[in-house]
Structure formats: structure tokens, C-alpha cells
């Protein structure tokens, strides 16, 4: 292993974003060949990424993008909100979304194997290259691709991403505001289902069981006739639909009408037909259990 200069180490640090000692060791191992040192660091970067995979990536960006008649909602996670604001990370997320639109991958594995939009490496290779620079665990968590008349919405700089799909005989620009209102509704109220027909029978049965159990525990309700209890349950199921189904929810901009009635009225005013046929809502980090690590202890353990 040959001796390397401080200038060579600095240049490699600048090019890769990797620490001084790692760069020094890689250059020594590569006998001063910078390109070979980069490859060595990349291999070590992959190893570090694997080691870091136990660290929770619950920050990041959710984006929603439409190009022509195709669109995608994508969530990419990273460990800290500081790193999520890195311009290269933002550009990577945008390129991943574009790749989903262009390549229509079947699943996450297929997406990672695609050549990234605007680049010559795969999505997975591009992620590993970025990891070497940012040094934080990154995860492409999920995506959904749509085709048709689509309206995207991103809330809070990437905390929530929504896509609404419309079936209409009007032009996309005419129905954009209606779709945007529906997307805002989805972002704000997080409906579980599109309409009552989409609610699984098992979910309804579970709700009914809960309601009957609550009545059995209520002294005022326990002795009421069974048919009265059934009527009460039916009424409560109606409320369940209005709370959980997008088209039956009270419209956030005018709670005197449902979302479905608002869409109908808007279609009539525009002189055509508009139906909301699908939507998706991704919220950053939902369902990911964050670790409450002590950052100072973590740093101390790294420099021991």
C-alpha cells in the first residue's frame, strides 16, 4: 500500500462525501488510484448501508406527480428530516416517481431493477450512490401508479401525497379544481374507502358486533327489544359510512353537503359528468415505529 497525500484524501472526501479515515484507507488499498478507491468505498458504503438498515428511516418525502395521462405517488424514507431536505435526496425522489410513470414496474423489486429516469444506473444503484454521500439509511417504501384523468396533491412539503382519479367526459383542465378539492378532502379526512360499496362485509360485521356489545354494557339500552337495537345499529352504520367513505363524508369546504353531492353539483355546473373512481393517500412514516434513541449516546458509540 502506497503513501497518499492529504490533497488526494481531501479530493476523495469532496467527491464522495465519505469521512477522512475511510478515504485514506481506500486510497492506500487502491495504491493512490482514485477511481479504484471510489469503487472500494462504494463496496464499503453498501456494507455500511446494510449495517445501518436497523436504524429506522421514518422521515423522508411523499410525492405525487402526473405526466400526461399517467401519474405516481411514491414514498421514500430517510432517517432525519435534515437529510430529507437535501437537494440531491429530493431530486432522487422525483426521479424515482418519474421512473414509476415511465417504466410501470410491477412491484418494488422491479422498480429497483429499472434504469432510473434521466440516468444510466438502476434505481437501486442510484440509491447506493446517494447513500455514500448522505450516509443515512434510505428506503423506497411504496408506490402506486395510475392512468387516466388524474389530480395530484402534496401537503406539507412531502408529509402527505394524494392522487385522485376521475372518470369524466370533460377536459382534464376543466375538472382539475373538482379533483383538487377531492384530493384536499382525502388529505385532511383520510377516508378509509371510496364509497359504501367498497366497505368489506367483514368490516361492517365487526362494527355491528362492537355496537351491540356497547349496547349490552349500557343499562339504558340492555333491556330494549332486539328489533329496536337492530334499528339503532342501522342508524349507526349510516354514521360509519359518513365518517369513513370519501363520497359520503361531509365536504370540508361546505359541511352541509357530502363530497359526492359536491361532485355532482360541480359536474352539472360544468355541463358534463364527473365521477371519482379511485384515490390513494400516503402519509410519510405511517405505520413505521420510530426508535427513541439518544442521539448523544449514538454519536459517542460511533467514535469509541
C-alpha atoms as a PDB file:
ATOM      1  CA  UNK A   1       0.000   0.000   0.000  1.00  0.00           C
ATOM      2  CA  UNK A   2       1.498   3.317  -1.115  1.00  0.00           C
ATOM      3  CA  UNK A   3       1.578   6.566   0.827  1.00  0.00           C
ATOM      4  CA  UNK A   4      -1.181   9.028  -0.080  1.00  0.00           C
ATOM      5  CA  UNK A   5      -1.202  12.809   0.183  1.00  0.00           C
ATOM      6  CA  UNK A   6      -3.561  14.976   2.190  1.00  0.00           C
ATOM      7  CA  UNK A   7      -4.682  16.644  -1.072  1.00  0.00           C
ATOM      8  CA  UNK A   8      -5.696  13.253  -2.545  1.00  0.00           C
ATOM      9  CA  UNK A   9      -7.660  12.417   0.601  1.00  0.00           C
ATOM     10  CA  UNK A  10      -9.432  15.805   0.512  1.00  0.00           C
ATOM     11  CA  UNK A  11     -10.330  15.375  -3.161  1.00  0.00           C
ATOM     12  CA  UNK A  12     -11.801  11.919  -2.499  1.00  0.00           C
ATOM     13  CA  UNK A  13     -13.724  13.216   0.524  1.00  0.00           C
ATOM     14  CA  UNK A  14     -15.184  16.010  -1.611  1.00  0.00           C
ATOM     15  CA  UNK A  15     -16.099  13.645  -4.447  1.00  0.00           C
ATOM     16  CA  UNK A  16     -17.785  11.024  -2.262  1.00  0.00           C
ATOM     17  CA  UNK A  17     -18.857  12.737   0.940  1.00  0.00           C
ATOM     18  CA  UNK A  18     -17.142   9.951   2.894  1.00  0.00           C
ATOM     19  CA  UNK A  19     -15.076  10.562   6.081  1.00  0.00           C
ATOM     20  CA  UNK A  20     -11.323  11.207   6.150  1.00  0.00           C
ATOM     21  CA  UNK A  21     -10.148   7.880   7.597  1.00  0.00           C
ATOM     22  CA  UNK A  22     -12.301   5.822   5.213  1.00  0.00           C
ATOM     23  CA  UNK A  23     -10.922   7.811   2.254  1.00  0.00           C
ATOM     24  CA  UNK A  24      -7.318   7.417   3.461  1.00  0.00           C
ATOM     25  CA  UNK A  25      -7.688   3.627   3.861  1.00  0.00           C
ATOM     26  CA  UNK A  26      -9.383   3.270   0.459  1.00  0.00           C
ATOM     27  CA  UNK A  27      -6.664   5.268  -1.319  1.00  0.00           C
ATOM     28  CA  UNK A  28      -3.953   3.210   0.401  1.00  0.00           C
ATOM     29  CA  UNK A  29      -5.706  -0.002  -0.613  1.00  0.00           C
ATOM     30  CA  UNK A  30      -6.032   1.292  -4.191  1.00  0.00           C
ATOM     31  CA  UNK A  31      -2.377   2.441  -4.332  1.00  0.00           C
ATOM     32  CA  UNK A  32      -3.483   6.011  -4.969  1.00  0.00           C
ATOM     33  CA  UNK A  33      -5.875   5.144  -7.843  1.00  0.00           C
ATOM     34  CA  UNK A  34      -8.858   7.439  -7.176  1.00  0.00           C
ATOM     35  CA  UNK A  35     -11.328   5.540  -9.396  1.00  0.00           C
ATOM     36  CA  UNK A  36     -10.444   2.266  -7.686  1.00  0.00           C
ATOM     37  CA  UNK A  37     -10.746   3.976  -4.278  1.00  0.00           C
ATOM     38  CA  UNK A  38     -14.266   5.131  -5.176  1.00  0.00           C
ATOM     39  CA  UNK A  39     -15.202   1.516  -6.010  1.00  0.00           C
ATOM     40  CA  UNK A  40     -13.752   0.324  -2.697  1.00  0.00           C
ATOM     41  CA  UNK A  41     -15.731   3.000  -0.843  1.00  0.00           C
ATOM     42  CA  UNK A  42     -18.853   2.050  -2.707  1.00  0.00           C
ATOM     43  CA  UNK A  43     -18.458  -1.529  -1.590  1.00  0.00           C
ATOM     44  CA  UNK A  44     -17.895  -0.329   1.966  1.00  0.00           C
ATOM     45  CA  UNK A  45     -20.839   2.007   1.577  1.00  0.00           C
ATOM     46  CA  UNK A  46     -23.045  -0.939   0.714  1.00  0.00           C
ATOM     47  CA  UNK A  47     -21.798  -2.751   3.793  1.00  0.00           C
ATOM     48  CA  UNK A  48     -22.455   0.299   5.960  1.00  0.00           C
ATOM     49  CA  UNK A  49     -25.918   0.660   4.448  1.00  0.00           C
ATOM     50  CA  UNK A  50     -26.623  -2.941   5.456  1.00  0.00           C
ATOM     51  CA  UNK A  51     -25.348  -2.261   8.979  1.00  0.00           C
ATOM     52  CA  UNK A  52     -27.465   0.851   9.213  1.00  0.00           C
ATOM     53  CA  UNK A  53     -30.604  -0.865   7.985  1.00  0.00           C
ATOM     54  CA  UNK A  54     -31.584  -1.464  11.609  1.00  0.00           C
ATOM     55  CA  UNK A  55     -31.848   2.279  12.079  1.00  0.00           C
ATOM     56  CA  UNK A  56     -35.354   3.487  11.449  1.00  0.00           C
ATOM     57  CA  UNK A  57     -35.977   5.566   8.333  1.00  0.00           C
ATOM     58  CA  UNK A  58     -39.270   7.275   9.171  1.00  0.00           C
ATOM     59  CA  UNK A  59     -38.638  10.739   7.744  1.00  0.00           C
ATOM     60  CA  UNK A  60     -38.436  11.460   4.030  1.00  0.00           C
ATOM     61  CA  UNK A  61     -40.711  12.582   1.219  1.00  0.00           C
ATOM     62  CA  UNK A  62     -44.039  11.536  -0.240  1.00  0.00           C
ATOM     63  CA  UNK A  63     -44.526  12.916  -3.734  1.00  0.00           C
ATOM     64  CA  UNK A  64     -47.436  12.832  -6.180  1.00  0.00           C
ATOM     65  CA  UNK A  65     -46.691  13.508  -9.848  1.00  0.00           C
ATOM     66  CA  UNK A  66     -48.686  13.460 -13.079  1.00  0.00           C
ATOM     67  CA  UNK A  67     -47.266  13.424 -16.603  1.00  0.00           C
ATOM     68  CA  UNK A  68     -49.853  13.308 -19.367  1.00  0.00           C
ATOM     69  CA  UNK A  69     -52.360  10.589 -18.513  1.00  0.00           C
ATOM     70  CA  UNK A  70     -50.082   8.707 -16.093  1.00  0.00           C
ATOM     71  CA  UNK A  71     -49.176   9.503 -12.507  1.00  0.00           C
ATOM     72  CA  UNK A  72     -47.495   8.083  -9.424  1.00  0.00           C
ATOM     73  CA  UNK A  73     -47.497   8.534  -5.674  1.00  0.00           C
ATOM     74  CA  UNK A  74     -44.189   7.477  -4.100  1.00  0.00           C
ATOM     75  CA  UNK A  75     -42.826   7.381  -0.546  1.00  0.00           C
ATOM     76  CA  UNK A  76     -39.069   7.332   0.041  1.00  0.00           C
ATOM     77  CA  UNK A  77     -37.903   7.316   3.658  1.00  0.00           C
ATOM     78  CA  UNK A  78     -34.684   8.502   5.258  1.00  0.00           C
ATOM     79  CA  UNK A  79     -33.525   8.748   8.878  1.00  0.00           C
ATOM     80  CA  UNK A  80     -33.644  12.519   9.542  1.00  0.00           C
ATOM     81  CA  UNK A  81     -35.714  15.469   8.339  1.00  0.00           C
ATOM     82  CA  UNK A  82     -32.404  17.339   7.838  1.00  0.00           C
ATOM     83  CA  UNK A  83     -31.319  14.784   5.223  1.00  0.00           C
ATOM     84  CA  UNK A  84     -34.820  14.780   3.691  1.00  0.00           C
ATOM     85  CA  UNK A  85     -34.231  18.455   2.820  1.00  0.00           C
ATOM     86  CA  UNK A  86     -31.025  17.627   0.923  1.00  0.00           C
ATOM     87  CA  UNK A  87     -31.482  18.724  -2.713  1.00  0.00           C
ATOM     88  CA  UNK A  88     -29.927  15.505  -4.049  1.00  0.00           C
ATOM     89  CA  UNK A  89     -32.355  13.423  -1.992  1.00  0.00           C
ATOM     90  CA  UNK A  90     -35.290  15.485  -3.332  1.00  0.00           C
ATOM     91  CA  UNK A  91     -34.023  15.016  -6.895  1.00  0.00           C
ATOM     92  CA  UNK A  92     -33.694  11.258  -6.296  1.00  0.00           C
ATOM     93  CA  UNK A  93     -37.320  11.011  -5.078  1.00  0.00           C
ATOM     94  CA  UNK A  94     -38.516  12.973  -8.125  1.00  0.00           C
ATOM     95  CA  UNK A  95     -36.530  10.668 -10.444  1.00  0.00           C
ATOM     96  CA  UNK A  96     -37.980   7.559  -8.752  1.00  0.00           C
ATOM     97  CA  UNK A  97     -41.528   8.880  -9.293  1.00  0.00           C
ATOM     98  CA  UNK A  98     -40.736   9.597 -12.942  1.00  0.00           C
ATOM     99  CA  UNK A  99     -39.306   6.080 -13.323  1.00  0.00           C
ATOM    100  CA  UNK A 100     -42.565   4.600 -11.975  1.00  0.00           C
ATOM    101  CA  UNK A 101     -44.544   6.640 -14.523  1.00  0.00           C
ATOM    102  CA  UNK A 102     -42.269   5.740 -17.445  1.00  0.00           C
ATOM    103  CA  UNK A 103     -41.474   2.076 -16.702  1.00  0.00           C
ATOM    104  CA  UNK A 104     -44.662   0.904 -14.937  1.00  0.00           C
ATOM    105  CA  UNK A 105     -42.843  -1.594 -12.653  1.00  0.00           C
ATOM    106  CA  UNK A 106     -44.875  -4.438 -11.165  1.00  0.00           C
ATOM    107  CA  UNK A 107     -43.512  -4.058  -7.621  1.00  0.00           C
ATOM    108  CA  UNK A 108     -40.673  -2.586  -5.548  1.00  0.00           C
ATOM    109  CA  UNK A 109     -38.124  -5.168  -6.679  1.00  0.00           C
ATOM    110  CA  UNK A 110     -38.945  -4.463 -10.322  1.00  0.00           C
ATOM    111  CA  UNK A 111     -38.692  -0.709  -9.666  1.00  0.00           C
ATOM    112  CA  UNK A 112     -35.256  -1.062  -8.067  1.00  0.00           C
ATOM    113  CA  UNK A 113     -34.055  -3.018 -11.128  1.00  0.00           C
ATOM    114  CA  UNK A 114     -35.245  -0.303 -13.571  1.00  0.00           C
ATOM    115  CA  UNK A 115     -32.769   2.174 -15.037  1.00  0.00           C
ATOM    116  CA  UNK A 116     -33.586   5.416 -13.227  1.00  0.00           C
ATOM    117  CA  UNK A 117     -35.240   8.154 -15.266  1.00  0.00           C
ATOM    118  CA  UNK A 118     -32.647  10.550 -16.661  1.00  0.00           C
ATOM    119  CA  UNK A 119     -29.725   8.321 -15.634  1.00  0.00           C
ATOM    120  CA  UNK A 120     -27.723   5.287 -16.724  1.00  0.00           C
ATOM    121  CA  UNK A 121     -27.793   3.292 -13.468  1.00  0.00           C
ATOM    122  CA  UNK A 122     -30.570   1.305 -11.854  1.00  0.00           C
ATOM    123  CA  UNK A 123     -32.741   2.815  -9.141  1.00  0.00           C
ATOM    124  CA  UNK A 124     -31.005   0.585  -6.562  1.00  0.00           C
ATOM    125  CA  UNK A 125     -27.516   1.598  -7.752  1.00  0.00           C
ATOM    126  CA  UNK A 126     -28.546   5.265  -7.683  1.00  0.00           C
ATOM    127  CA  UNK A 127     -29.813   4.849  -4.129  1.00  0.00           C
ATOM    128  CA  UNK A 128     -26.487   3.304  -3.052  1.00  0.00           C
ATOM    129  CA  UNK A 129     -24.534   6.116  -4.740  1.00  0.00           C
ATOM    130  CA  UNK A 130     -26.618   8.642  -2.827  1.00  0.00           C
ATOM    131  CA  UNK A 131     -26.113   6.731   0.412  1.00  0.00           C
ATOM    132  CA  UNK A 132     -22.337   7.125   0.071  1.00  0.00           C
ATOM    133  CA  UNK A 133     -22.864  10.902   0.041  1.00  0.00           C
ATOM    134  CA  UNK A 134     -25.624  11.275   2.660  1.00  0.00           C
ATOM    135  CA  UNK A 135     -24.688   8.359   4.935  1.00  0.00           C
ATOM    136  CA  UNK A 136     -28.201   7.688   6.101  1.00  0.00           C
ATOM    137  CA  UNK A 137     -30.360   4.614   5.634  1.00  0.00           C
ATOM    138  CA  UNK A 138     -32.838   5.162   2.774  1.00  0.00           C
ATOM    139  CA  UNK A 139     -35.833   3.028   1.846  1.00  0.00           C
ATOM    140  CA  UNK A 140     -38.097   3.227  -1.193  1.00  0.00           C
ATOM    141  CA  UNK A 141     -41.128   2.156   0.779  1.00  0.00           C
ATOM    142  CA  UNK A 142     -44.101   2.073  -1.615  1.00  0.00           C
ATOM    143  CA  UNK A 143     -45.648   3.471  -4.759  1.00  0.00           C
ATOM    144  CA  UNK A 144     -48.893   3.428  -6.703  1.00  0.00           C
ATOM    145  CA  UNK A 145     -49.237   4.206 -10.402  1.00  0.00           C
ATOM    146  CA  UNK A 146     -52.397   5.431 -12.119  1.00  0.00           C
ATOM    147  CA  UNK A 147     -53.577   6.115 -15.662  1.00  0.00           C
ATOM    148  CA  UNK A 148     -56.484   8.357 -16.663  1.00  0.00           C
ATOM    149  CA  UNK A 149     -57.684  11.819 -15.662  1.00  0.00           C
ATOM    150  CA  UNK A 150     -55.555  12.415 -12.568  1.00  0.00           C
ATOM    151  CA  UNK A 151     -55.172  15.177  -9.998  1.00  0.00           C
ATOM    152  CA  UNK A 152     -52.124  15.136  -7.661  1.00  0.00           C
ATOM    153  CA  UNK A 153     -51.733  16.905  -4.338  1.00  0.00           C
ATOM    154  CA  UNK A 154     -48.747  17.123  -1.982  1.00  0.00           C
ATOM    155  CA  UNK A 155     -49.224  18.519   1.519  1.00  0.00           C
ATOM    156  CA  UNK A 156     -46.671  19.969   3.909  1.00  0.00           C
ATOM    157  CA  UNK A 157     -43.625  19.715   1.665  1.00  0.00           C
ATOM    158  CA  UNK A 158     -43.986  15.961   1.298  1.00  0.00           C
ATOM    159  CA  UNK A 159     -45.662  14.830   4.521  1.00  0.00           C
ATOM    160  CA  UNK A 160     -48.768  13.594   2.644  1.00  0.00           C
ATOM    161  CA  UNK A 161     -49.199  12.687  -1.011  1.00  0.00           C
ATOM    162  CA  UNK A 162     -52.587  12.150  -2.641  1.00  0.00           C
ATOM    163  CA  UNK A 163     -53.736  11.154  -6.123  1.00  0.00           C
ATOM    164  CA  UNK A 164     -57.367  11.283  -7.244  1.00  0.00           C
ATOM    165  CA  UNK A 165     -58.592   9.573 -10.413  1.00  0.00           C
ATOM    166  CA  UNK A 166     -61.689  10.896 -12.179  1.00  0.00           C
ATOM    167  CA  UNK A 167     -63.938   9.421 -14.853  1.00  0.00           C
ATOM    168  CA  UNK A 168     -65.281  12.325 -16.899  1.00  0.00           C
ATOM    169  CA  UNK A 169     -66.414  13.422 -20.350  1.00  0.00           C
ATOM    170  CA  UNK A 170     -64.969  16.889 -19.706  1.00  0.00           C
ATOM    171  CA  UNK A 171     -61.396  18.047 -20.354  1.00  0.00           C
ATOM    172  CA  UNK A 172     -58.796  17.489 -17.631  1.00  0.00           C
ATOM    173  CA  UNK A 173     -58.241  21.227 -17.110  1.00  0.00           C
ATOM    174  CA  UNK A 174     -61.991  21.808 -16.590  1.00  0.00           C
ATOM    175  CA  UNK A 175     -62.256  19.205 -13.847  1.00  0.00           C
ATOM    176  CA  UNK A 176     -58.913  19.995 -12.177  1.00  0.00           C
ATOM    177  CA  UNK A 177     -60.412  22.162  -9.405  1.00  0.00           C
ATOM    178  CA  UNK A 178     -63.001  19.492  -8.557  1.00  0.00           C
ATOM    179  CA  UNK A 179     -60.266  16.862  -8.384  1.00  0.00           C
ATOM    180  CA  UNK A 180     -58.099  19.184  -6.272  1.00  0.00           C
ATOM    181  CA  UNK A 181     -60.961  19.706  -3.797  1.00  0.00           C
ATOM    182  CA  UNK A 182     -61.395  15.929  -3.527  1.00  0.00           C
ATOM    183  CA  UNK A 183     -57.634  15.489  -3.032  1.00  0.00           C
ATOM    184  CA  UNK A 184     -57.670  18.086  -0.240  1.00  0.00           C
ATOM    185  CA  UNK A 185     -60.570  16.194   1.350  1.00  0.00           C
ATOM    186  CA  UNK A 186     -58.590  12.929   1.203  1.00  0.00           C
ATOM    187  CA  UNK A 187     -55.512  14.599   2.715  1.00  0.00           C
ATOM    188  CA  UNK A 188     -57.485  16.219   5.546  1.00  0.00           C
ATOM    189  CA  UNK A 189     -60.019  13.493   6.434  1.00  0.00           C
ATOM    190  CA  UNK A 190     -58.148  10.299   5.469  1.00  0.00           C
ATOM    191  CA  UNK A 191     -61.190   8.265   4.327  1.00  0.00           C
ATOM    192  CA  UNK A 192     -60.710   4.508   4.504  1.00  0.00           C
ATOM    193  CA  UNK A 193     -62.933   3.746   1.488  1.00  0.00           C
ATOM    194  CA  UNK A 194     -64.187   5.424  -1.697  1.00  0.00           C
ATOM    195  CA  UNK A 195     -67.887   4.623  -1.126  1.00  0.00           C
ATOM    196  CA  UNK A 196     -70.118   2.276   0.880  1.00  0.00           C
ATOM    197  CA  UNK A 197     -69.859  -0.419  -1.808  1.00  0.00           C
ATOM    198  CA  UNK A 198     -66.097  -0.558  -1.176  1.00  0.00           C
ATOM    199  CA  UNK A 199     -66.501  -1.355   2.541  1.00  0.00           C
ATOM    200  CA  UNK A 200     -65.779  -5.080   3.120  1.00  0.00           C
ATOM    201  CA  UNK A 201     -68.625  -7.072   4.676  1.00  0.00           C
ATOM    202  CA  UNK A 202     -66.194  -8.239   7.379  1.00  0.00           C
ATOM    203  CA  UNK A 203     -65.548  -4.613   8.439  1.00  0.00           C
ATOM    204  CA  UNK A 204     -69.282  -3.941   8.730  1.00  0.00           C
ATOM    205  CA  UNK A 205     -69.865  -7.102  10.759  1.00  0.00           C
ATOM    206  CA  UNK A 206     -67.071  -6.100  13.121  1.00  0.00           C
ATOM    207  CA  UNK A 207     -68.612  -2.635  13.562  1.00  0.00           C
ATOM    208  CA  UNK A 208     -72.038  -4.166  14.286  1.00  0.00           C
ATOM    209  CA  UNK A 209     -70.540  -6.501  16.904  1.00  0.00           C
ATOM    210  CA  UNK A 210     -68.859  -3.555  18.623  1.00  0.00           C
ATOM    211  CA  UNK A 211     -72.093  -1.537  18.619  1.00  0.00           C
ATOM    212  CA  UNK A 212     -74.164  -4.417  20.034  1.00  0.00           C
ATOM    213  CA  UNK A 213     -71.542  -5.049  22.718  1.00  0.00           C
ATOM    214  CA  UNK A 214     -71.623  -1.361  23.688  1.00  0.00           C
ATOM    215  CA  UNK A 215     -75.427  -1.503  23.989  1.00  0.00           C
ATOM    216  CA  UNK A 216     -75.234  -4.638  26.111  1.00  0.00           C
ATOM    217  CA  UNK A 217     -72.981  -2.749  28.550  1.00  0.00           C
ATOM    218  CA  UNK A 218     -75.292   0.273  28.666  1.00  0.00           C
ATOM    219  CA  UNK A 219     -78.040  -0.160  31.361  1.00  0.00           C
ATOM    220  CA  UNK A 220     -80.396   2.121  29.395  1.00  0.00           C
ATOM    221  CA  UNK A 221     -80.024   0.028  26.237  1.00  0.00           C
ATOM    222  CA  UNK A 222     -79.580  -3.514  27.539  1.00  0.00           C
ATOM    223  CA  UNK A 223     -83.303  -4.231  28.078  1.00  0.00           C
ATOM    224  CA  UNK A 224     -84.566  -2.725  24.822  1.00  0.00           C
ATOM    225  CA  UNK A 225     -86.206  -5.151  22.315  1.00  0.00           C
ATOM    226  CA  UNK A 226     -83.857  -6.745  19.778  1.00  0.00           C
ATOM    227  CA  UNK A 227     -85.584  -5.077  16.792  1.00  0.00           C
ATOM    228  CA  UNK A 228     -85.015  -1.657  18.389  1.00  0.00           C
ATOM    229  CA  UNK A 229     -81.327  -2.463  18.840  1.00  0.00           C
ATOM    230  CA  UNK A 230     -81.105  -3.509  15.164  1.00  0.00           C
ATOM    231  CA  UNK A 231     -82.652  -0.174  14.079  1.00  0.00           C
ATOM    232  CA  UNK A 232     -80.170   1.734  16.240  1.00  0.00           C
ATOM    233  CA  UNK A 233     -77.284  -0.254  14.732  1.00  0.00           C
ATOM    234  CA  UNK A 234     -78.522   0.543  11.202  1.00  0.00           C
ATOM    235  CA  UNK A 235     -78.520   4.238  12.091  1.00  0.00           C
ATOM    236  CA  UNK A 236     -75.010   3.991  13.466  1.00  0.00           C
ATOM    237  CA  UNK A 237     -73.820   2.167  10.347  1.00  0.00           C
ATOM    238  CA  UNK A 238     -75.030   5.180   8.347  1.00  0.00           C
ATOM    239  CA  UNK A 239     -72.791   7.341  10.519  1.00  0.00           C
ATOM    240  CA  UNK A 240     -69.919   4.887   9.948  1.00  0.00           C
ATOM    241  CA  UNK A 241     -70.310   5.376   6.171  1.00  0.00           C
ATOM    242  CA  UNK A 242     -70.349   9.162   6.521  1.00  0.00           C
ATOM    243  CA  UNK A 243     -67.155   9.085   8.575  1.00  0.00           C
ATOM    244  CA  UNK A 244     -65.200   6.505   6.570  1.00  0.00           C
ATOM    245  CA  UNK A 245     -66.308   6.760   2.920  1.00  0.00           C
ATOM    246  CA  UNK A 246     -64.938   9.639   0.838  1.00  0.00           C
ATOM    247  CA  UNK A 247     -68.097  10.268  -1.183  1.00  0.00           C
ATOM    248  CA  UNK A 248     -70.306  10.230   1.938  1.00  0.00           C
ATOM    249  CA  UNK A 249     -68.099  12.427   4.113  1.00  0.00           C
ATOM    250  CA  UNK A 250     -69.183  15.995   4.831  1.00  0.00           C
ATOM    251  CA  UNK A 251     -67.307  18.186   2.336  1.00  0.00           C
ATOM    252  CA  UNK A 252     -64.599  20.142   4.205  1.00  0.00           C
ATOM    253  CA  UNK A 253     -65.309  23.349   2.268  1.00  0.00           C
ATOM    254  CA  UNK A 254     -69.082  23.138   2.874  1.00  0.00           C
ATOM    255  CA  UNK A 255     -70.146  20.641   5.527  1.00  0.00           C
ATOM    256  CA  UNK A 256     -73.827  20.985   4.556  1.00  0.00           C
ATOM    257  CA  UNK A 257     -73.200  18.697   1.556  1.00  0.00           C
ATOM    258  CA  UNK A 258     -71.357  15.400   1.087  1.00  0.00           C
ATOM    259  CA  UNK A 259     -68.341  15.096  -1.217  1.00  0.00           C
ATOM    260  CA  UNK A 260     -70.485  13.038  -3.597  1.00  0.00           C
ATOM    261  CA  UNK A 261     -73.155  15.764  -3.777  1.00  0.00           C
ATOM    262  CA  UNK A 262     -70.484  18.437  -4.287  1.00  0.00           C
ATOM    263  CA  UNK A 263     -69.008  16.491  -7.248  1.00  0.00           C
ATOM    264  CA  UNK A 264     -72.494  16.014  -8.752  1.00  0.00           C
ATOM    265  CA  UNK A 265     -73.285  19.738  -8.457  1.00  0.00           C
ATOM    266  CA  UNK A 266     -69.926  20.728  -9.939  1.00  0.00           C
ATOM    267  CA  UNK A 267     -70.422  18.353 -12.899  1.00  0.00           C
ATOM    268  CA  UNK A 268     -73.877  19.818 -13.565  1.00  0.00           C
ATOM    269  CA  UNK A 269     -72.489  23.349 -13.470  1.00  0.00           C
ATOM    270  CA  UNK A 270     -69.707  22.402 -15.906  1.00  0.00           C
ATOM    271  CA  UNK A 271     -72.175  20.669 -18.208  1.00  0.00           C
ATOM    272  CA  UNK A 272     -70.816  17.144 -18.061  1.00  0.00           C
ATOM    273  CA  UNK A 273     -70.234  14.050 -15.989  1.00  0.00           C
ATOM    274  CA  UNK A 274     -67.588  13.645 -13.231  1.00  0.00           C
ATOM    275  CA  UNK A 275     -67.069  10.573 -11.060  1.00  0.00           C
ATOM    276  CA  UNK A 276     -64.365   9.920  -8.503  1.00  0.00           C
ATOM    277  CA  UNK A 277     -63.313   6.342  -9.264  1.00  0.00           C
ATOM    278  CA  UNK A 278     -60.107   5.864  -7.256  1.00  0.00           C
ATOM    279  CA  UNK A 279     -57.657   7.592  -4.953  1.00  0.00           C
ATOM    280  CA  UNK A 280     -54.634   6.921  -2.777  1.00  0.00           C
ATOM    281  CA  UNK A 281     -53.213   8.714   0.249  1.00  0.00           C
ATOM    282  CA  UNK A 282     -49.711   8.061   1.573  1.00  0.00           C
ATOM    283  CA  UNK A 283     -48.666   9.730   4.814  1.00  0.00           C
ATOM    284  CA  UNK A 284     -44.952   9.869   5.498  1.00  0.00           C
ATOM    285  CA  UNK A 285     -43.841   7.304   8.051  1.00  0.00           C
ATOM    286  CA  UNK A 286     -47.332   5.990   8.846  1.00  0.00           C
ATOM    287  CA  UNK A 287     -47.064   2.581  10.475  1.00  0.00           C
ATOM    288  CA  UNK A 288     -43.293   2.863  10.978  1.00  0.00           C
ATOM    289  CA  UNK A 289     -42.316   2.558  14.605  1.00  0.00           C
ATOM    290  CA  UNK A 290     -39.777   5.248  15.414  1.00  0.00           C
ATOM    291  CA  UNK A 291     -36.985   4.425  17.844  1.00  0.00           C
ATOM    292  CA  UNK A 292     -36.455   6.956  20.600  1.00  0.00           C
ATOM    293  CA  UNK A 293     -32.675   6.831  20.509  1.00  0.00           C
ATOM    294  CA  UNK A 294     -30.459   9.164  22.476  1.00  0.00           C
ATOM    295  CA  UNK A 295     -28.529  10.960  19.749  1.00  0.00           C
ATOM    296  CA  UNK A 296     -25.594  11.889  22.013  1.00  0.00           C
ATOM    297  CA  UNK A 297     -25.183   8.245  23.094  1.00  0.00           C
ATOM    298  CA  UNK A 298     -25.314   7.135  19.453  1.00  0.00           C
ATOM    299  CA  UNK A 299     -22.569   9.586  18.452  1.00  0.00           C
ATOM    300  CA  UNK A 300     -20.457   8.509  21.454  1.00  0.00           C
ATOM    301  CA  UNK A 301     -20.806   4.845  20.474  1.00  0.00           C
ATOM    302  CA  UNK A 302     -19.704   5.630  16.887  1.00  0.00           C
ATOM    303  CA  UNK A 303     -16.439   7.315  17.943  1.00  0.00           C
ATOM    304  CA  UNK A 304     -15.335   4.726  20.523  1.00  0.00           C
END
